[in-house]
Amino acid sequence: MHLRMHRYLSDILFEYENLEVRQYLLYIGESKCSMKNHIIKKNLNYDYAIIDMRDIPCEALLSSNDPSAVVLSILCDFEDRDKQIVVNTILKRLKELSDEREYKNYLKMVNVLSTNRNLEDEVKEGVKMLSVDIEKTPFYQIAEERGIEKGKLIVANQMLTLNMSLDTISNVTGLSIKELKTLTTSL
């Protein structure tokens, strides 16, 4: 890689001779980086910086509003955080920052990069979790039913204060006459 980087520098300087260039190689490999970052020969002293993604805390990229940066956070240091929680957070952030078509493209990128960190199972699980239709979960349905019931009671109370008949209130709210009579005694 060190020879290739030197060639890249030569190509850049061939086109932009007066340009001040500092090169960086972003390493995303599966194992810890061990490649050379310099060439030292008689009449040649060349080097470039290597940034190993494993040395960057994932929060640095995860908090970005740029979905491409969020994708790269899958390669970063999760520190002591649970892998599944971090992967779920990455997927959730991508969903927040992109539309459906873009999300699918970013998800493909995350899938590919996850293989460098052996996180394929976590990505698969995270995608499953995010694809659950929240409206079909039991807790949501219970909360929705309670919300509807509460709404009916509020409407019934308002109608009772307007002295409307129990039959009319029952027809509008769907509450039984017995339920309405209980409600009137609590007013």
Protein backbone atom coordinates (compact mmCIF):
# COMPACT_ATOMS: atom_id res chain seq x y z
CA MET A 1 0.00 0.00 0.00
CA HIS A 2 2.86 2.37 0.77
CA LEU A 3 4.02 2.25 -2.87
CA ARG A 4 0.51 2.83 -4.15
CA MET A 5 0.07 5.81 -1.85
CA HIS A 6 3.36 7.23 -3.14
CA ARG A 7 2.11 6.80 -6.71
CA TYR A 8 -1.15 8.60 -5.81
CA LEU A 9 0.90 11.49 -4.42
CA SER A 10 2.94 11.62 -7.62
CA ASP A 11 -0.24 11.63 -9.73
CA ILE A 12 -1.69 14.50 -7.69
CA LEU A 13 1.53 16.52 -7.82
CA PHE A 14 1.84 15.87 -11.57
CA GLU A 15 -1.46 17.67 -12.04
CA TYR A 16 -1.13 20.23 -9.19
CA GLU A 17 2.59 20.73 -8.66
CA ASN A 18 2.31 23.60 -6.18
CA LEU A 19 -0.35 21.96 -4.06
CA GLU A 20 0.55 21.16 -0.45
CA VAL A 21 -0.64 17.57 0.07
CA ARG A 22 -1.02 15.52 3.22
CA GLN A 23 -2.30 12.01 2.64
CA TYR A 24 -4.45 9.89 4.93
CA LEU A 25 -5.44 6.30 4.51
CA LEU A 26 -8.68 5.30 6.22
CA TYR A 27 -8.23 1.67 7.27
CA ILE A 28 -11.40 -0.41 7.60
CA GLY A 29 -9.91 -3.89 7.61
CA GLU A 30 -11.14 -6.80 9.66
CA SER A 31 -7.96 -7.18 11.72
CA LYS A 32 -5.83 -4.54 13.41
CA CYS A 33 -3.85 -2.44 10.90
CA SER A 34 -0.21 -3.50 10.49
CA MET A 35 0.75 -2.00 7.11
CA LYS A 36 3.69 0.33 6.53
CA ASN A 37 2.95 4.02 6.16
CA HIS A 38 6.32 5.20 4.85
CA ILE A 39 9.13 4.74 2.36
CA ILE A 40 12.64 5.60 3.46
CA LYS A 41 15.34 5.15 0.83
CA LYS A 42 18.43 7.06 -0.19
CA ASN A 43 17.05 10.38 -1.53
CA LEU A 44 13.42 9.49 -0.66
CA ASN A 45 11.68 10.10 2.62
CA TYR A 46 7.91 9.67 2.23
CA ASP A 47 5.11 8.98 4.70
CA TYR A 48 1.36 9.27 5.13
CA ALA A 49 -1.04 8.90 8.05
CA ILE A 50 -3.14 5.81 8.63
CA ILE A 51 -6.40 6.23 10.51
CA ASP A 52 -7.71 2.94 11.83
CA MET A 53 -11.50 3.13 12.18
CA ARG A 54 -11.21 0.93 15.29
CA ASP A 55 -9.56 3.85 17.09
CA ILE A 56 -12.47 6.24 16.53
CA PRO A 57 -15.25 6.18 19.16
CA CYS A 58 -18.52 5.28 17.41
CA GLU A 59 -20.31 8.22 19.06
CA ALA A 60 -18.17 10.61 16.99
CA LEU A 61 -19.88 9.43 13.79
CA LEU A 62 -23.15 8.14 15.22
CA SER A 63 -24.16 11.62 16.36
CA SER A 64 -23.60 13.06 12.87
CA ASN A 65 -26.49 14.27 10.73
CA ASP A 66 -24.73 12.87 7.67
CA PRO A 67 -26.03 9.34 6.96
CA SER A 68 -22.72 8.37 5.29
CA ALA A 69 -20.89 9.11 8.54
CA VAL A 70 -23.48 7.12 10.50
CA VAL A 71 -22.89 4.15 8.17
CA LEU A 72 -19.14 4.29 8.92
CA SER A 73 -19.82 4.18 12.66
CA ILE A 74 -20.36 0.40 12.28
CA LEU A 75 -16.55 0.19 11.88
CA CYS A 76 -15.69 2.30 14.91
CA ASP A 77 -14.90 1.46 18.52
CA PHE A 78 -18.11 0.56 20.37
CA GLU A 79 -16.14 0.85 23.61
CA ASP A 80 -17.93 -1.23 26.25
CA ARG A 81 -21.39 -0.76 24.78
CA ASP A 82 -23.56 -3.72 23.82
CA LYS A 83 -23.08 -4.51 20.11
CA GLN A 84 -26.77 -5.04 19.44
CA ILE A 85 -27.73 -1.73 21.03
CA VAL A 86 -25.12 0.16 18.97
CA VAL A 87 -26.19 -1.52 15.73
CA ASN A 88 -29.86 -0.80 16.50
CA THR A 89 -28.96 2.84 17.14
CA ILE A 90 -27.08 3.03 13.82
CA LEU A 91 -30.07 1.62 11.94
CA LYS A 92 -32.51 3.89 13.77
CA ARG A 93 -30.38 6.98 13.01
CA LEU A 94 -30.22 6.02 9.33
CA LYS A 95 -34.01 5.64 9.25
CA GLU A 96 -34.38 9.11 10.82
CA LEU A 97 -31.92 10.77 8.42
CA SER A 98 -33.11 9.31 5.11
CA ASP A 99 -36.17 8.48 3.08
CA GLU A 100 -37.14 4.86 2.36
CA ARG A 101 -35.11 4.52 -0.86
CA GLU A 102 -31.99 6.10 0.68
CA TYR A 103 -32.40 4.00 3.80
CA LYS A 104 -32.26 0.81 1.72
CA ASN A 105 -29.01 1.96 0.09
CA TYR A 106 -27.45 2.88 3.44
CA LEU A 107 -28.61 -0.45 4.83
CA LYS A 108 -26.76 -2.25 2.01
CA MET A 109 -23.61 -0.34 2.96
CA VAL A 110 -24.02 -1.26 6.63
CA ASN A 111 -24.50 -4.91 5.64
CA VAL A 112 -21.27 -4.94 3.65
CA LEU A 113 -19.23 -3.14 6.32
CA SER A 114 -20.67 -5.26 9.13
CA THR A 115 -18.73 -8.24 7.80
CA ASN A 116 -15.48 -6.46 8.75
CA ARG A 117 -16.54 -6.52 12.40
CA ASN A 118 -18.50 -9.80 12.45
CA LEU A 119 -21.74 -7.93 13.12
CA GLU A 120 -23.89 -9.56 10.45
CA ASP A 121 -26.22 -11.20 12.99
CA GLU A 122 -26.67 -7.96 14.91
CA VAL A 123 -27.55 -6.08 11.71
CA LYS A 124 -30.03 -8.79 10.72
CA GLU A 125 -31.66 -8.65 14.17
CA GLY A 126 -31.73 -4.84 14.15
CA VAL A 127 -33.41 -4.75 10.76
CA LYS A 128 -36.02 -7.25 11.99
CA MET A 129 -36.65 -5.16 15.06
CA LEU A 130 -37.08 -1.93 13.08
CA SER A 131 -39.43 -3.55 10.60
CA VAL A 132 -41.99 -4.49 13.27
CA ASP A 133 -45.23 -2.62 12.71
CA ILE A 134 -45.63 -0.89 16.08
CA GLU A 135 -49.39 -0.65 15.57
CA LYS A 136 -49.65 -4.44 15.62
CA THR A 137 -47.89 -4.88 18.96
CA PRO A 138 -50.11 -5.76 21.95
CA PHE A 139 -48.94 -2.81 24.06
CA TYR A 140 -49.80 -0.34 21.31
CA GLN A 141 -53.22 -1.89 20.78
CA ILE A 142 -54.01 -1.79 24.50
CA ALA A 143 -52.90 1.84 24.72
CA GLU A 144 -54.92 2.70 21.63
CA GLU A 145 -58.03 1.01 23.06
CA ARG A 146 -57.61 2.87 26.34
CA GLY A 147 -57.17 6.13 24.42
CA ILE A 148 -60.37 5.50 22.46
CA GLU A 149 -62.29 4.63 25.65
CA LYS A 150 -60.97 7.75 27.37
CA GLY A 151 -61.98 9.83 24.35
CA LYS A 152 -65.49 8.38 24.44
CA LEU A 153 -65.80 9.27 28.13
CA ILE A 154 -64.64 12.84 27.51
CA VAL A 155 -67.17 13.30 24.69
CA ALA A 156 -69.92 11.72 26.80
CA ASN A 157 -69.10 14.06 29.70
CA GLN A 158 -69.29 17.09 27.42
CA MET A 159 -72.61 15.92 26.00
CA LEU A 160 -73.99 15.31 29.50
CA THR A 161 -73.07 18.85 30.56
CA LEU A 162 -75.11 20.04 27.56
CA ASN A 163 -78.08 18.06 28.94
CA MET A 164 -78.33 15.84 25.87
CA SER A 165 -80.39 12.66 26.14
CA LEU A 166 -78.73 9.41 27.18
CA ASP A 167 -79.99 7.76 23.97
CA THR A 168 -78.29 10.40 21.78
CA ILE A 169 -75.05 10.20 23.77
CA SER A 170 -75.12 6.38 23.54
CA ASN A 171 -75.63 6.54 19.76
CA VAL A 172 -72.75 9.01 19.32
CA THR A 173 -70.20 7.42 21.67
CA GLY A 174 -71.14 3.77 21.53
CA LEU A 175 -71.31 3.67 25.34
CA SER A 176 -74.23 1.79 26.86
CA ILE A 177 -77.00 3.54 28.80
CA LYS A 178 -75.78 1.70 31.93
CA GLU A 179 -72.23 3.10 31.44
CA LEU A 180 -73.66 6.59 30.91
CA LYS A 181 -75.79 6.35 34.09
CA THR A 182 -72.62 5.38 36.03
CA LEU A 183 -70.92 8.38 34.49
CA THR A 184 -73.73 10.75 35.48
CA THR A 185 -73.52 9.65 39.12
CA SER A 186 -69.79 10.44 39.17
CA LEU A 187 -70.37 14.00 37.87
